[in-house]
Amino acid sequence: MPRDHSREQPQWLLARHSALTARQLLRAYGLLCLFSLTIAAAFALRGIWTIPIFSFAELGLVAIALLHYLRHARDYEHIALRDGELVIEQVSAGHCRRHHFSPWRTRIAMPQGPRQLIHINDTGAGGAQVQVGVYATPERRRQVAQELLALLPPPMSPPAPP
């Protein structure tokens, strides 16, 4: 049975690219700990205690850096047109911010330069403003902005004063 494409709700997922999974990262850290603590133990057996102290300090700092990496490894931005509204969900370090825009009052500003993000403005009384595209390449940002512009109706103009 063919699908009814008119009912599909367009959506975009812009996610951070993580080269390592959590399991791979823990394995690498475990190997680093094993190697570093083996060398530190050899020096400790010879009576040189400064090496194990610096080894533990180094492993602690690496652990802090890896925890920061893992905390942000699943960051993403999700943009969806559903149920007559534009929904933008931004997740960073486990904190989710969700924004709802009326398509008739939403203005999309195309990114002009390679470092610029997509600006989404609510032209209504709330005047909410969101920037998306942090995790996308400049080409992908332009593509998403063009697709959004094609799908959203033109913003309604305020009535002219009499």
N, C-alpha and C. Protein backbone atom coordinates (compact mmCIF):
# COMPACT_ATOMS: atom_id res chain seq x y z
N MET A 1 0.85 -1.17 0.00
CA MET A 1 0.00 0.00 0.00
C MET A 1 0.89 1.23 0.00
N PRO A 2 0.70 2.17 -0.91
CA PRO A 2 1.54 3.36 -0.96
C PRO A 2 1.29 4.28 0.23
N ARG A 3 2.37 4.95 0.63
CA ARG A 3 2.26 5.87 1.77
C ARG A 3 1.69 7.20 1.32
N ASP A 4 0.98 7.82 2.21
CA ASP A 4 0.43 9.15 1.95
C ASP A 4 1.48 10.16 2.38
N HIS A 5 2.23 10.69 1.41
CA HIS A 5 3.32 11.61 1.72
C HIS A 5 2.83 12.96 2.22
N SER A 6 1.57 13.30 1.98
CA SER A 6 1.07 14.60 2.44
C SER A 6 0.94 14.63 3.96
N ARG A 7 0.90 13.47 4.61
CA ARG A 7 0.77 13.42 6.07
C ARG A 7 2.11 13.35 6.77
N GLU A 8 3.19 13.15 6.04
CA GLU A 8 4.50 13.08 6.68
C GLU A 8 4.86 14.44 7.26
N GLN A 9 5.42 14.40 8.44
CA GLN A 9 5.81 15.63 9.10
C GLN A 9 7.32 15.78 8.98
N PRO A 10 7.78 16.81 8.27
CA PRO A 10 9.23 16.95 8.06
C PRO A 10 9.96 17.23 9.37
N GLN A 11 11.15 16.66 9.48
CA GLN A 11 11.97 16.88 10.66
C GLN A 11 13.44 16.76 10.29
N TRP A 12 14.28 17.42 11.09
CA TRP A 12 15.72 17.42 10.88
C TRP A 12 16.39 17.15 12.21
N LEU A 13 17.41 16.33 12.19
CA LEU A 13 18.19 16.04 13.39
C LEU A 13 19.62 16.47 13.13
N LEU A 14 20.08 17.45 13.88
CA LEU A 14 21.45 17.95 13.77
C LEU A 14 22.17 17.52 15.05
N ALA A 15 23.02 16.49 14.93
CA ALA A 15 23.64 15.90 16.11
C ALA A 15 25.15 16.12 16.08
N ARG A 16 25.72 16.16 17.25
CA ARG A 16 27.17 16.25 17.40
C ARG A 16 27.79 14.95 16.91
N HIS A 17 28.88 15.06 16.20
CA HIS A 17 29.58 13.87 15.71
C HIS A 17 30.56 13.41 16.77
N SER A 18 30.33 12.22 17.31
CA SER A 18 31.23 11.65 18.32
C SER A 18 31.99 10.49 17.69
N ALA A 19 33.31 10.57 17.75
CA ALA A 19 34.14 9.55 17.12
C ALA A 19 34.17 8.26 17.94
N LEU A 20 34.02 8.36 19.25
CA LEU A 20 34.10 7.18 20.12
C LEU A 20 32.80 6.99 20.89
N THR A 21 32.43 5.72 21.05
CA THR A 21 31.29 5.41 21.91
C THR A 21 31.77 5.41 23.36
N ALA A 22 30.84 5.38 24.28
CA ALA A 22 31.20 5.38 25.70
C ALA A 22 32.02 4.13 26.05
N ARG A 23 31.64 3.00 25.51
CA ARG A 23 32.37 1.76 25.79
C ARG A 23 33.81 1.82 25.26
N GLN A 24 33.99 2.35 24.04
CA GLN A 24 35.33 2.49 23.48
C GLN A 24 36.17 3.45 24.31
N LEU A 25 35.56 4.50 24.76
CA LEU A 25 36.27 5.49 25.56
C LEU A 25 36.70 4.90 26.91
N LEU A 26 35.84 4.13 27.54
CA LEU A 26 36.19 3.50 28.81
C LEU A 26 37.30 2.46 28.64
N ARG A 27 37.26 1.73 27.54
CA ARG A 27 38.34 0.76 27.27
C ARG A 27 39.67 1.47 27.08
N ALA A 28 39.66 2.55 26.32
CA ALA A 28 40.91 3.30 26.10
C ALA A 28 41.43 3.88 27.42
N TYR A 29 40.53 4.40 28.25
CA TYR A 29 40.95 4.94 29.53
C TYR A 29 41.48 3.83 30.45
N GLY A 30 40.86 2.67 30.41
CA GLY A 30 41.33 1.54 31.21
C GLY A 30 42.74 1.11 30.80
N LEU A 31 42.99 1.08 29.50
CA LEU A 31 44.34 0.74 29.02
C LEU A 31 45.36 1.80 29.43
N LEU A 32 44.96 3.06 29.35
CA LEU A 32 45.85 4.13 29.79
C LEU A 32 46.17 4.00 31.28
N CYS A 33 45.14 3.71 32.07
CA CYS A 33 45.36 3.53 33.52
C CYS A 33 46.29 2.35 33.79
N LEU A 34 46.06 1.25 33.11
CA LEU A 34 46.90 0.06 33.31
C LEU A 34 48.36 0.36 32.98
N PHE A 35 48.59 0.98 31.83
CA PHE A 35 49.95 1.31 31.41
C PHE A 35 50.61 2.30 32.37
N SER A 36 49.89 3.37 32.70
CA SER A 36 50.45 4.42 33.55
C SER A 36 50.71 3.91 34.97
N LEU A 37 49.78 3.14 35.52
CA LEU A 37 49.96 2.65 36.89
C LEU A 37 51.03 1.56 36.96
N THR A 38 51.24 0.81 35.89
CA THR A 38 52.33 -0.18 35.86
C THR A 38 53.68 0.52 35.94
N ILE A 39 53.83 1.58 35.16
CA ILE A 39 55.08 2.35 35.20
C ILE A 39 55.23 3.03 36.57
N ALA A 40 54.15 3.57 37.10
CA ALA A 40 54.21 4.23 38.41
C ALA A 40 54.58 3.24 39.51
N ALA A 41 54.07 2.02 39.42
CA ALA A 41 54.39 1.00 40.43
C ALA A 41 55.87 0.61 40.36
N ALA A 42 56.40 0.53 39.14
CA ALA A 42 57.82 0.20 38.99
C ALA A 42 58.70 1.27 39.65
N PHE A 43 58.34 2.52 39.47
CA PHE A 43 59.11 3.60 40.11
C PHE A 43 58.90 3.60 41.63
N ALA A 44 57.68 3.28 42.08
CA ALA A 44 57.41 3.24 43.52
C ALA A 44 58.22 2.13 44.19
N LEU A 45 58.39 1.00 43.51
CA LEU A 45 59.20 -0.09 44.07
C LEU A 45 60.67 0.30 44.20
N ARG A 46 61.11 1.24 43.41
CA ARG A 46 62.49 1.71 43.48
C ARG A 46 62.63 2.88 44.47
N GLY A 47 61.51 3.27 45.06
CA GLY A 47 61.57 4.32 46.08
C GLY A 47 61.36 5.72 45.54
N ILE A 48 61.00 5.88 44.29
CA ILE A 48 60.75 7.21 43.70
C ILE A 48 59.23 7.44 43.73
N TRP A 49 58.76 8.17 44.73
CA TRP A 49 57.33 8.33 44.97
C TRP A 49 56.70 9.50 44.21
N THR A 50 57.52 10.34 43.61
CA THR A 50 56.92 11.47 42.88
C THR A 50 56.25 11.01 41.59
N ILE A 51 56.76 9.95 40.98
CA ILE A 51 56.16 9.47 39.72
C ILE A 51 54.73 8.95 39.95
N PRO A 52 54.47 8.10 40.95
CA PRO A 52 53.08 7.67 41.18
C PRO A 52 52.14 8.82 41.51
N ILE A 53 52.64 9.82 42.24
CA ILE A 53 51.80 10.97 42.58
C ILE A 53 51.37 11.71 41.31
N PHE A 54 52.34 11.97 40.42
CA PHE A 54 52.01 12.66 39.17
C PHE A 54 51.18 11.77 38.24
N SER A 55 51.38 10.47 38.32
CA SER A 55 50.60 9.55 37.51
C SER A 55 49.13 9.59 37.93
N PHE A 56 48.86 9.58 39.23
CA PHE A 56 47.47 9.66 39.71
C PHE A 56 46.85 11.02 39.35
N ALA A 57 47.65 12.08 39.45
CA ALA A 57 47.15 13.42 39.08
C ALA A 57 46.80 13.45 37.60
N GLU A 58 47.67 12.89 36.77
CA GLU A 58 47.42 12.86 35.32
C GLU A 58 46.16 12.06 35.01
N LEU A 59 46.01 10.90 35.60
CA LEU A 59 44.83 10.07 35.35
C LEU A 59 43.56 10.76 35.84
N GLY A 60 43.64 11.50 36.92
CA GLY A 60 42.48 12.25 37.40
C GLY A 60 42.07 13.35 36.43
N LEU A 61 43.06 14.08 35.90
CA LEU A 61 42.74 15.14 34.92
C LEU A 61 42.19 14.56 33.62
N VAL A 62 42.74 13.45 33.18
CA VAL A 62 42.22 12.80 31.98
C VAL A 62 40.79 12.33 32.22
N ALA A 63 40.51 11.80 33.41
CA ALA A 63 39.14 11.36 33.74
C ALA A 63 38.16 12.53 33.69
N ILE A 64 38.57 13.68 34.19
CA ILE A 64 37.70 14.87 34.15
C ILE A 64 37.42 15.27 32.70
N ALA A 65 38.46 15.27 31.86
CA ALA A 65 38.28 15.63 30.45
C ALA A 65 37.36 14.63 29.74
N LEU A 66 37.52 13.35 30.03
CA LEU A 66 36.67 12.34 29.39
C LEU A 66 35.23 12.43 29.87
N LEU A 67 35.02 12.76 31.11
CA LEU A 67 33.64 12.96 31.61
C LEU A 67 32.97 14.13 30.90
N HIS A 68 33.72 15.19 30.68
CA HIS A 68 33.18 16.34 29.94
C HIS A 68 32.82 15.92 28.51
N TYR A 69 33.70 15.16 27.88
CA TYR A 69 33.45 14.67 26.52
C TYR A 69 32.19 13.82 26.50
N LEU A 70 32.07 12.88 27.45
CA LEU A 70 30.90 12.00 27.48
C LEU A 70 29.62 12.77 27.76
N ARG A 71 29.72 13.82 28.56
CA ARG A 71 28.53 14.60 28.90
C ARG A 71 27.95 15.29 27.66
N HIS A 72 28.82 15.69 26.74
CA HIS A 72 28.36 16.39 25.55
C HIS A 72 28.32 15.51 24.30
N ALA A 73 28.62 14.24 24.43
CA ALA A 73 28.68 13.36 23.25
C ALA A 73 27.31 13.18 22.60
N ARG A 74 26.24 13.32 23.34
CA ARG A 74 24.90 13.10 22.80
C ARG A 74 24.13 14.39 22.59
N ASP A 75 24.78 15.50 22.47
CA ASP A 75 24.11 16.77 22.21
C ASP A 75 23.50 16.74 20.80
N TYR A 76 22.34 17.38 20.66
CA TYR A 76 21.70 17.45 19.35
C TYR A 76 20.69 18.58 19.31
N GLU A 77 20.26 18.88 18.09
CA GLU A 77 19.17 19.81 17.84
C GLU A 77 18.17 19.09 16.94
N HIS A 78 16.91 19.14 17.30
CA HIS A 78 15.86 18.49 16.53
C HIS A 78 14.86 19.55 16.12
N ILE A 79 14.62 19.64 14.82
CA ILE A 79 13.66 20.61 14.28
C ILE A 79 12.55 19.81 13.61
N ALA A 80 11.30 20.11 13.94
CA ALA A 80 10.19 19.36 13.36
C ALA A 80 9.00 20.28 13.13
N LEU A 81 8.31 20.02 12.03
CA LEU A 81 7.03 20.66 11.76
C LEU A 81 5.97 19.62 12.08
N ARG A 82 5.27 19.82 13.20
CA ARG A 82 4.26 18.84 13.58
C ARG A 82 3.06 19.54 14.20
N ASP A 83 1.91 19.04 13.86
CA ASP A 83 0.64 19.52 14.41
C ASP A 83 0.49 21.03 14.27
N GLY A 84 0.89 21.56 13.14
CA GLY A 84 0.69 22.97 12.87
C GLY A 84 1.62 23.91 13.58
N GLU A 85 2.74 23.42 14.07
CA GLU A 85 3.71 24.31 14.69
C GLU A 85 5.13 23.82 14.44
N LEU A 86 6.06 24.74 14.50
CA LEU A 86 7.47 24.44 14.36
C LEU A 86 8.03 24.22 15.76
N VAL A 87 8.57 23.01 16.00
CA VAL A 87 9.09 22.64 17.32
C VAL A 87 10.60 22.47 17.20
N ILE A 88 11.33 23.18 18.04
CA ILE A 88 12.78 23.09 18.06
C ILE A 88 13.19 22.60 19.44
N GLU A 89 13.94 21.50 19.44
CA GLU A 89 14.41 20.90 20.68
C GLU A 89 15.93 20.93 20.66
N GLN A 90 16.52 21.57 21.65
CA GLN A 90 17.98 21.66 21.76
C GLN A 90 18.41 20.96 23.04
N VAL A 91 19.28 19.94 22.90
CA VAL A 91 19.77 19.18 24.04
C VAL A 91 21.27 19.39 24.14
N SER A 92 21.72 19.87 25.30
CA SER A 92 23.13 20.08 25.56
C SER A 92 23.43 19.64 26.99
N ALA A 93 24.34 18.70 27.12
CA ALA A 93 24.76 18.16 28.43
C ALA A 93 23.56 17.63 29.22
N GLY A 94 22.61 17.03 28.51
CA GLY A 94 21.45 16.45 29.17
C GLY A 94 20.33 17.41 29.47
N HIS A 95 20.53 18.70 29.24
CA HIS A 95 19.49 19.71 29.47
C HIS A 95 18.76 19.98 28.16
N CYS A 96 17.45 19.86 28.20
CA CYS A 96 16.63 20.01 27.01
C CYS A 96 15.88 21.35 27.05
N ARG A 97 15.99 22.09 25.95
CA ARG A 97 15.20 23.32 25.79
C ARG A 97 14.30 23.12 24.58
N ARG A 98 13.02 23.36 24.75
CA ARG A 98 12.07 23.16 23.66
C ARG A 98 11.39 24.49 23.36
N HIS A 99 11.34 24.82 22.08
CA HIS A 99 10.72 26.07 21.63
C HIS A 99 9.62 25.73 20.64
N HIS A 100 8.50 26.44 20.73
CA HIS A 100 7.37 26.24 19.84
C HIS A 100 7.10 27.55 19.11
N PHE A 101 6.98 27.45 17.78
CA PHE A 101 6.73 28.62 16.96
C PHE A 101 5.51 28.36 16.08
N SER A 102 4.72 29.39 15.87
CA SER A 102 3.62 29.32 14.92
C SER A 102 4.21 29.55 13.52
N PRO A 103 3.94 28.65 12.57
CA PRO A 103 4.53 28.83 11.23
C PRO A 103 4.16 30.15 10.56
N TRP A 104 3.01 30.69 10.90
CA TRP A 104 2.58 31.94 10.25
C TRP A 104 3.30 33.16 10.80
N ARG A 105 3.92 33.03 11.96
CA ARG A 105 4.62 34.16 12.56
C ARG A 105 6.13 33.91 12.66
N THR A 106 6.63 32.97 11.92
CA THR A 106 8.03 32.59 12.03
C THR A 106 8.82 33.10 10.83
N ARG A 107 9.94 33.70 11.14
CA ARG A 107 10.83 34.21 10.09
C ARG A 107 12.16 33.44 10.20
N ILE A 108 12.64 32.93 9.08
CA ILE A 108 13.89 32.17 9.02
C ILE A 108 14.93 33.04 8.33
N ALA A 109 16.08 33.24 8.98
CA ALA A 109 17.18 34.01 8.38
C ALA A 109 18.25 33.02 7.93
N MET A 110 18.56 33.06 6.66
CA MET A 110 19.58 32.17 6.09
C MET A 110 20.95 32.55 6.63
N PRO A 111 21.79 31.55 6.94
CA PRO A 111 23.16 31.87 7.36
C PRO A 111 23.93 32.44 6.17
N GLN A 112 24.58 33.59 6.38
CA GLN A 112 25.30 34.25 5.30
C GLN A 112 26.75 33.78 5.18
N GLY A 113 27.37 33.52 6.30
CA GLY A 113 28.77 33.10 6.29
C GLY A 113 28.91 31.67 6.78
N PRO A 114 30.11 31.10 6.68
CA PRO A 114 30.31 29.72 7.10
C PRO A 114 30.16 29.50 8.61
N ARG A 115 30.31 30.54 9.41
CA ARG A 115 30.21 30.39 10.86
C ARG A 115 28.86 30.83 11.41
N GLN A 116 27.99 31.36 10.56
CA GLN A 116 26.69 31.83 11.04
C GLN A 116 25.71 30.69 11.16
N LEU A 117 24.82 30.81 12.15
CA LEU A 117 23.79 29.81 12.40
C LEU A 117 22.48 30.24 11.76
N ILE A 118 21.52 29.34 11.77
CA ILE A 118 20.18 29.65 11.27
C ILE A 118 19.44 30.40 12.38
N HIS A 119 18.92 31.58 12.07
CA HIS A 119 18.16 32.38 13.04
C HIS A 119 16.68 32.17 12.79
N ILE A 120 15.97 31.77 13.83
CA ILE A 120 14.53 31.57 13.74
C ILE A 120 13.90 32.56 14.70
N ASN A 121 13.06 33.45 14.16
CA ASN A 121 12.45 34.53 14.94
C ASN A 121 10.94 34.41 14.92
N ASP A 122 10.32 34.66 16.06
CA ASP A 122 8.87 34.74 16.16
C ASP A 122 8.50 36.21 16.02
N THR A 123 7.74 36.54 15.00
CA THR A 123 7.38 37.93 14.76
C THR A 123 6.17 38.37 15.58
N GLY A 124 5.63 37.45 16.39
CA GLY A 124 4.47 37.78 17.21
C GLY A 124 4.86 38.58 18.44
N ALA A 125 3.93 38.66 19.37
CA ALA A 125 4.13 39.46 20.57
C ALA A 125 5.25 38.90 21.44
N GLY A 126 5.43 37.58 21.46
CA GLY A 126 6.47 36.97 22.29
C GLY A 126 7.86 37.33 21.82
N GLY A 127 8.04 37.39 20.53
CA GLY A 127 9.33 37.76 19.97
C GLY A 127 10.46 36.80 20.29
N ALA A 128 10.14 35.52 20.43
CA ALA A 128 11.17 34.53 20.75
C ALA A 128 12.16 34.41 19.59
N GLN A 129 13.39 34.07 19.94
CA GLN A 129 14.45 33.97 18.94
C GLN A 129 15.34 32.78 19.30
N VAL A 130 15.66 31.95 18.30
CA VAL A 130 16.47 30.76 18.51
C VAL A 130 17.48 30.67 17.38
N GLN A 131 18.67 30.21 17.72
CA GLN A 131 19.70 29.93 16.71
C GLN A 131 19.94 28.43 16.70
N VAL A 132 19.90 27.83 15.52
CA VAL A 132 20.13 26.39 15.39
C VAL A 132 21.21 26.14 14.34
N GLY A 133 21.77 24.93 14.40
CA GLY A 133 22.78 24.54 13.42
C GLY A 133 24.17 24.46 13.99
N VAL A 134 24.29 24.42 15.31
CA VAL A 134 25.60 24.38 15.96
C VAL A 134 26.37 23.14 15.54
N TYR A 135 25.68 22.01 15.38
CA TYR A 135 26.35 20.73 15.12
C TYR A 135 26.36 20.37 13.65
N ALA A 136 25.99 21.28 12.77
CA ALA A 136 25.93 20.99 11.34
C ALA A 136 27.02 21.74 10.60
N THR A 137 27.37 21.20 9.45
CA THR A 137 28.33 21.88 8.58
C THR A 137 27.65 23.09 7.95
N PRO A 138 28.41 24.05 7.43
CA PRO A 138 27.77 25.21 6.79
C PRO A 138 26.83 24.82 5.64
N GLU A 139 27.21 23.80 4.87
CA GLU A 139 26.36 23.37 3.76
C GLU A 139 25.05 22.79 4.28
N ARG A 140 25.14 22.00 5.34
CA ARG A 140 23.93 21.39 5.91
C ARG A 140 23.02 22.47 6.52
N ARG A 141 23.62 23.49 7.15
CA ARG A 141 22.81 24.60 7.70
C ARG A 141 22.04 25.30 6.59
N ARG A 142 22.72 25.58 5.48
CA ARG A 142 22.04 26.26 4.37
C ARG A 142 20.92 25.38 3.81
N GLN A 143 21.18 24.08 3.70
CA GLN A 143 20.17 23.16 3.17
C GLN A 143 18.95 23.12 4.08
N VAL A 144 19.16 23.02 5.39
CA VAL A 144 18.04 22.98 6.34
C VAL A 144 17.26 24.30 6.28
N ALA A 145 17.96 25.43 6.22
CA ALA A 145 17.29 26.73 6.16
C ALA A 145 16.46 26.84 4.89
N GLN A 146 17.00 26.39 3.77
CA GLN A 146 16.25 26.45 2.51
C GLN A 146 15.02 25.56 2.55
N GLU A 147 15.15 24.37 3.14
CA GLU A 147 14.00 23.47 3.25
C GLU A 147 12.94 24.06 4.18
N LEU A 148 13.37 24.67 5.28
CA LEU A 148 12.41 25.32 6.18
C LEU A 148 11.69 26.47 5.48
N LEU A 149 12.44 27.28 4.76
CA LEU A 149 11.82 28.40 4.04
C LEU A 149 10.81 27.90 3.02
N ALA A 150 11.10 26.78 2.36
CA ALA A 150 10.18 26.24 1.36
C ALA A 150 8.92 25.67 2.01
N LEU A 151 9.03 25.13 3.21
CA LEU A 151 7.88 24.50 3.86
C LEU A 151 7.01 25.46 4.66
N LEU A 152 7.61 26.51 5.21
CA LEU A 152 6.84 27.44 6.04
C LEU A 152 6.12 28.45 5.15
N PRO A 153 4.92 28.85 5.55
CA PRO A 153 4.22 29.89 4.81
C PRO A 153 4.92 31.23 5.04
N PRO A 154 4.73 32.19 4.13
CA PRO A 154 5.35 33.50 4.37
C PRO A 154 4.76 34.12 5.62
N PRO A 155 5.60 34.83 6.41
CA PRO A 155 5.08 35.44 7.64
C PRO A 155 4.02 36.47 7.34
N MET A 156 3.02 36.51 8.22
CA MET A 156 1.93 37.48 8.05
C MET A 156 2.45 38.87 8.39
N SER A 157 2.11 39.82 7.58
CA SER A 157 2.49 41.20 7.85
C SER A 157 1.51 41.81 8.84
N PRO A 158 2.03 42.70 9.71
CA PRO A 158 1.08 43.36 10.62
C PRO A 158 0.15 44.28 9.81
N PRO A 159 -1.06 44.46 10.28
CA PRO A 159 -2.00 45.31 9.53
C PRO A 159 -1.49 46.74 9.46
N ALA A 160 -1.72 47.35 8.31
CA ALA A 160 -1.29 48.74 8.11
C ALA A 160 -2.15 49.67 8.95
N PRO A 161 -1.52 50.71 9.55
CA PRO A 161 -2.30 51.66 10.34
C PRO A 161 -3.24 52.45 9.45
N PRO A 162 -4.44 52.79 9.95
CA PRO A 162 -5.42 53.54 9.13
C PRO A 162 -5.04 54.96 8.92
